[in-house]
Amino acid sequence: MKIDILTLFPDMFDALNHSILGKAKDKDLIDINIVDYRKFSENRHNQVDDYPFGGGQGMVLKPEPIFNAVESLNKTNKTRIILLCPQGERFSQKKAEELSKEEHLVFICGHYEGYDERIREYLVTDELSIGDFILTGGEFAAMTMVDSIARLVPEVLGKEESHKDDSFSTGLLEYPQYTRPKDFRGMLVPDVLTSGHHKNIEIYRMKESLRRTYLRRPDLLENYELSEQEEKLLTEIKKELKN
């Protein structure tokens, strides 16, 4: 996968050179290219923003440096050009899984009071937001999305199964997990997890995943299609909570 990130602050993305993503880059599993779009301004002062027509607060990103920077990239007709914007579609695990199957992604990090509308209308293929709040720029949103997407690229996590039980990957929150020691200061690991009975462990994890989702994120269950076994377990959970 190739990822181009257009930004005014290239140094902020040094964090992507570490940990799992850094190793994936070293193995050529992903190629992350940081583009300073200030260098594509046609203004002698390298200005990338200007006052909005009609007046208003703040400055707006000009179209020319963004268009020029995107046009300098080696794209295909399948390249996804993503505008990071609070007005965009809410980013989710489902969207991360969709984008992880693409070969080339371009992220545009904004600043100031917004973008010239022609960038949104004529250049980008997607608009994404990480939540209903405002950041000073798109860099942190871009890093969040790139990390979420890149870890799903085959071999990046080492094992194909590593991410499949993550919260949201199944549509539910992940079940609680434990490691050694079994007894830590009197706090014990549930017996079922050390029983060696794989079927019982599977049922326990399914039930606890449902319990955690029901208690913490019941909204996720609204669009989740429960299996017959999950319906039975959820009924048990609700009875237990009433007692």
Protein backbone atom coordinates (compact mmCIF):
# COMPACT_ATOMS: atom_id res chain seq x y z
CA MET A 1 0.00 0.00 0.00
CA LYS A 2 1.19 3.50 -0.85
CA ILE A 3 0.08 6.43 1.33
CA ASP A 4 0.76 10.09 0.54
CA ILE A 5 0.06 12.67 3.23
CA LEU A 6 -0.19 16.35 2.29
CA THR A 7 0.66 18.60 5.23
CA LEU A 8 2.19 21.90 6.27
CA PHE A 9 4.05 20.21 9.14
CA PRO A 10 6.01 17.20 7.82
CA ASP A 11 7.99 16.73 11.04
CA MET A 12 4.82 15.77 12.92
CA PHE A 13 4.75 12.46 11.06
CA ASP A 14 8.06 11.22 12.46
CA ALA A 15 5.91 9.15 14.83
CA LEU A 16 4.99 6.89 11.91
CA ASN A 17 8.61 5.73 11.70
CA HIS A 18 8.34 3.82 14.98
CA SER A 19 6.69 0.70 16.41
CA ILE A 20 4.65 -1.58 14.13
CA LEU A 21 4.28 0.95 11.30
CA GLY A 22 8.01 1.62 11.29
CA LYS A 23 8.71 -2.11 10.94
CA ALA A 24 6.11 -2.39 8.17
CA LYS A 25 7.82 0.44 6.29
CA ASP A 26 11.21 -1.25 6.70
CA LYS A 27 9.72 -4.44 5.21
CA ASP A 28 8.18 -2.49 2.29
CA LEU A 29 4.69 -3.57 3.30
CA ILE A 30 3.60 0.07 3.27
CA ASP A 31 5.13 3.16 1.69
CA ILE A 32 4.33 6.44 3.45
CA ASN A 33 5.31 9.64 1.65
CA ILE A 34 5.00 13.02 3.37
CA VAL A 35 4.39 16.00 1.07
CA ASP A 36 4.81 19.61 2.21
CA TYR A 37 2.22 21.35 0.07
CA ARG A 38 3.61 24.77 0.94
CA LYS A 39 6.28 23.99 -1.65
CA PHE A 40 3.56 23.86 -4.31
CA SER A 41 2.32 27.40 -3.75
CA GLU A 42 2.66 29.70 -6.75
CA ASN A 43 3.03 32.69 -4.44
CA ARG A 44 6.57 34.05 -3.98
CA HIS A 45 6.01 34.02 -0.21
CA ASN A 46 4.80 30.38 -0.36
CA GLN A 47 1.43 31.51 0.92
CA VAL A 48 -1.16 28.72 1.06
CA ASP A 49 -4.13 30.61 2.55
CA ASP A 50 -6.10 33.76 1.85
CA TYR A 51 -9.12 35.75 3.03
CA PRO A 52 -12.49 34.29 1.98
CA PHE A 53 -14.57 36.06 -0.64
CA GLY A 54 -17.56 37.72 0.99
CA GLY A 55 -15.71 38.28 4.24
CA GLY A 56 -15.66 36.23 7.41
CA GLN A 57 -13.37 35.12 10.19
CA GLY A 58 -9.97 33.60 9.56
CA MET A 59 -8.20 32.39 6.46
CA VAL A 60 -9.06 29.66 3.96
CA LEU A 61 -6.70 27.23 2.22
CA LYS A 62 -6.17 28.19 -1.42
CA PRO A 63 -6.86 25.62 -4.14
CA GLU A 64 -3.63 26.00 -6.12
CA PRO A 65 -1.09 24.42 -3.68
CA ILE A 66 -3.41 21.49 -2.93
CA PHE A 67 -4.23 20.80 -6.59
CA ASN A 68 -0.57 21.18 -7.58
CA ALA A 69 0.60 18.82 -4.83
CA VAL A 70 -1.96 16.13 -5.66
CA GLU A 71 -1.23 16.41 -9.39
CA SER A 72 2.49 15.84 -8.69
CA LEU A 73 1.75 12.37 -7.28
CA ASN A 74 1.89 9.14 -9.26
CA LYS A 75 -1.81 8.29 -9.12
CA THR A 76 -4.14 5.84 -10.83
CA ASN A 77 -7.87 6.03 -11.45
CA LYS A 78 -8.30 3.94 -8.29
CA THR A 79 -6.43 6.35 -5.99
CA ARG A 80 -8.59 7.51 -3.06
CA ILE A 81 -8.01 11.18 -2.22
CA ILE A 82 -9.21 11.83 1.33
CA LEU A 83 -10.01 15.26 2.73
CA LEU A 84 -9.79 15.40 6.53
CA CYS A 85 -12.72 17.54 7.51
CA PRO A 86 -15.18 17.79 10.47
CA GLN A 87 -18.01 17.77 7.91
CA GLY A 88 -16.91 14.38 6.55
CA GLU A 89 -18.19 10.86 7.11
CA ARG A 90 -17.39 9.52 10.58
CA PHE A 91 -14.32 7.28 10.39
CA SER A 92 -14.94 3.77 11.71
CA GLN A 93 -13.41 0.31 11.84
CA LYS A 94 -15.57 -0.63 8.87
CA LYS A 95 -14.14 2.27 6.87
CA ALA A 96 -10.60 1.30 7.94
CA GLU A 97 -11.20 -2.23 6.68
CA GLU A 98 -12.53 -0.87 3.37
CA LEU A 99 -9.57 1.47 2.85
CA SER A 100 -7.01 -1.19 3.83
CA LYS A 101 -7.86 -3.00 0.59
CA GLU A 102 -6.85 -0.02 -1.56
CA GLU A 103 -3.44 0.30 -3.21
CA HIS A 104 -3.04 4.08 -2.97
CA LEU A 105 -4.42 6.59 -0.47
CA VAL A 106 -3.85 10.35 -0.34
CA PHE A 107 -4.66 12.31 2.83
CA ILE A 108 -5.02 16.10 2.78
CA CYS A 109 -4.46 17.79 6.16
CA GLY A 110 -6.18 21.14 6.47
CA HIS A 111 -5.55 24.21 8.62
CA TYR A 112 -7.05 27.62 9.27
CA GLU A 113 -10.80 28.10 8.77
CA GLY A 114 -11.34 25.52 6.05
CA TYR A 115 -10.76 24.71 2.40
CA ASP A 116 -11.59 26.48 -0.81
CA GLU A 117 -14.75 24.64 -1.87
CA ARG A 118 -13.25 23.69 -5.24
CA ILE A 119 -10.86 21.31 -3.45
CA ARG A 120 -13.85 19.49 -1.98
CA GLU A 121 -15.90 19.58 -5.18
CA TYR A 122 -13.38 18.76 -7.88
CA LEU A 123 -10.39 17.01 -6.30
CA VAL A 124 -11.23 14.60 -3.48
CA THR A 125 -13.00 11.25 -3.52
CA ASP A 126 -13.73 11.00 0.22
CA GLU A 127 -14.24 13.32 3.19
CA LEU A 128 -13.56 11.81 6.61
CA SER A 129 -13.75 12.97 10.21
CA ILE A 130 -12.59 11.23 13.40
CA GLY A 131 -15.33 12.80 15.51
CA ASP A 132 -17.56 15.73 16.31
CA PHE A 133 -14.82 18.03 17.58
CA ILE A 134 -12.36 20.48 16.07
CA LEU A 135 -8.56 20.08 15.86
CA THR A 136 -6.05 22.79 14.97
CA GLY A 137 -5.11 20.77 11.91
CA GLY A 138 -5.64 17.45 10.18
CA GLU A 139 -2.30 15.89 11.10
CA PHE A 140 -3.45 14.03 14.20
CA ALA A 141 -6.55 12.79 12.39
CA ALA A 142 -4.36 11.60 9.50
CA MET A 143 -2.01 9.72 11.84
CA THR A 144 -4.96 8.08 13.59
CA MET A 145 -6.49 6.92 10.31
CA VAL A 146 -3.19 5.77 8.80
CA ASP A 147 -2.40 3.69 11.88
CA SER A 148 -5.88 2.17 11.92
CA ILE A 149 -5.77 1.34 8.20
CA ALA A 150 -2.17 0.21 7.85
CA ARG A 151 -2.36 -2.35 10.68
CA LEU A 152 -5.00 -4.19 8.61
CA VAL A 153 -2.71 -4.55 5.59
CA PRO A 154 -1.68 -8.24 5.28
CA GLU A 155 1.48 -9.15 7.26
CA VAL A 156 1.77 -5.77 9.02
CA LEU A 157 0.72 -7.29 12.36
CA GLY A 158 2.57 -10.51 11.63
CA LYS A 159 -0.43 -12.82 12.02
CA GLU A 160 -3.60 -12.64 9.94
CA GLU A 161 -5.73 -13.28 13.04
CA SER A 162 -4.17 -10.56 15.22
CA HIS A 163 -6.78 -7.90 14.57
CA LYS A 164 -9.90 -10.02 14.05
CA ASP A 165 -11.06 -9.99 17.69
CA ASP A 166 -10.34 -6.29 18.21
CA SER A 167 -13.16 -4.12 19.49
CA PHE A 168 -15.40 -3.05 16.56
CA SER A 169 -13.88 -5.61 14.16
CA THR A 170 -16.66 -8.06 14.98
CA GLY A 171 -19.25 -5.35 15.56
CA LEU A 172 -18.97 -5.82 19.33
CA LEU A 173 -16.53 -4.67 21.99
CA GLU A 174 -13.71 -7.08 22.76
CA TYR A 175 -14.05 -9.49 25.68
CA PRO A 176 -11.81 -8.96 28.78
CA GLN A 177 -8.38 -10.58 28.67
CA TYR A 178 -6.00 -11.83 31.36
CA THR A 179 -2.41 -13.05 31.61
CA ARG A 180 -0.12 -14.48 34.30
CA PRO A 181 -0.08 -14.61 37.28
CA LYS A 182 -3.44 -16.28 37.79
CA ASP A 183 -3.61 -14.84 41.31
CA PHE A 184 -2.42 -11.23 41.53
CA ARG A 185 -2.87 -9.77 45.01
CA GLY A 186 -5.98 -11.87 45.48
CA MET A 187 -7.46 -10.80 42.15
CA LEU A 188 -8.13 -14.03 40.29
CA VAL A 189 -8.42 -14.95 36.63
CA PRO A 190 -11.81 -16.58 35.85
CA ASP A 191 -11.45 -20.36 36.18
CA VAL A 192 -12.91 -21.04 32.75
CA LEU A 193 -9.91 -19.41 31.06
CA THR A 194 -7.47 -21.84 32.67
CA SER A 195 -9.71 -24.90 32.31
CA GLY A 196 -8.38 -25.92 28.90
CA HIS A 197 -11.97 -26.42 27.72
CA HIS A 198 -11.92 -24.52 24.44
CA LYS A 199 -15.68 -24.61 23.81
CA ASN A 200 -16.45 -23.18 27.25
CA ILE A 201 -13.78 -20.51 26.75
CA GLU A 202 -15.34 -19.57 23.42
CA ILE A 203 -18.80 -19.22 25.01
CA TYR A 204 -17.37 -17.23 27.94
CA ARG A 205 -15.68 -14.79 25.59
CA MET A 206 -18.78 -14.43 23.45
CA LYS A 207 -20.90 -13.72 26.52
CA GLU A 208 -18.46 -11.22 28.02
CA SER A 209 -18.11 -9.44 24.67
CA LEU A 210 -21.91 -9.10 24.58
CA ARG A 211 -22.03 -8.00 28.22
CA ARG A 212 -19.42 -5.31 27.72
CA THR A 213 -21.12 -4.05 24.56
CA TYR A 214 -24.56 -4.03 26.21
CA LEU A 215 -23.27 -2.06 29.21
CA ARG A 216 -20.87 0.33 27.48
CA ARG A 217 -22.01 0.70 23.87
CA PRO A 218 -25.62 -0.53 23.56
CA ASP A 219 -25.91 1.51 20.35
CA LEU A 220 -23.68 -1.06 18.62
CA LEU A 221 -26.30 -3.74 19.18
CA GLU A 222 -28.94 -1.79 17.25
CA ASN A 223 -27.43 -2.76 13.89
CA TYR A 224 -25.81 -6.03 14.98
CA GLU A 225 -27.46 -9.26 13.84
CA LEU A 226 -27.36 -11.63 16.80
CA SER A 227 -26.98 -15.34 16.24
CA GLU A 228 -29.33 -17.71 18.07
CA GLN A 229 -26.63 -18.43 20.64
CA GLU A 230 -25.86 -14.74 21.13
CA GLU A 231 -29.55 -13.96 21.66
CA LYS A 232 -29.67 -16.63 24.38
CA LEU A 233 -26.54 -15.28 26.06
CA LEU A 234 -27.79 -11.69 25.93
CA THR A 235 -31.04 -12.77 27.57
CA GLU A 236 -28.99 -14.42 30.35
CA ILE A 237 -26.96 -11.23 30.77
CA LYS A 238 -30.07 -9.08 31.15
CA LYS A 239 -31.50 -11.48 33.77
CA GLU A 240 -28.21 -11.45 35.70
CA LEU A 241 -28.14 -7.66 35.73
CA LYS A 242 -31.69 -7.49 37.13
CA ASN A 243 -30.82 -9.80 40.06
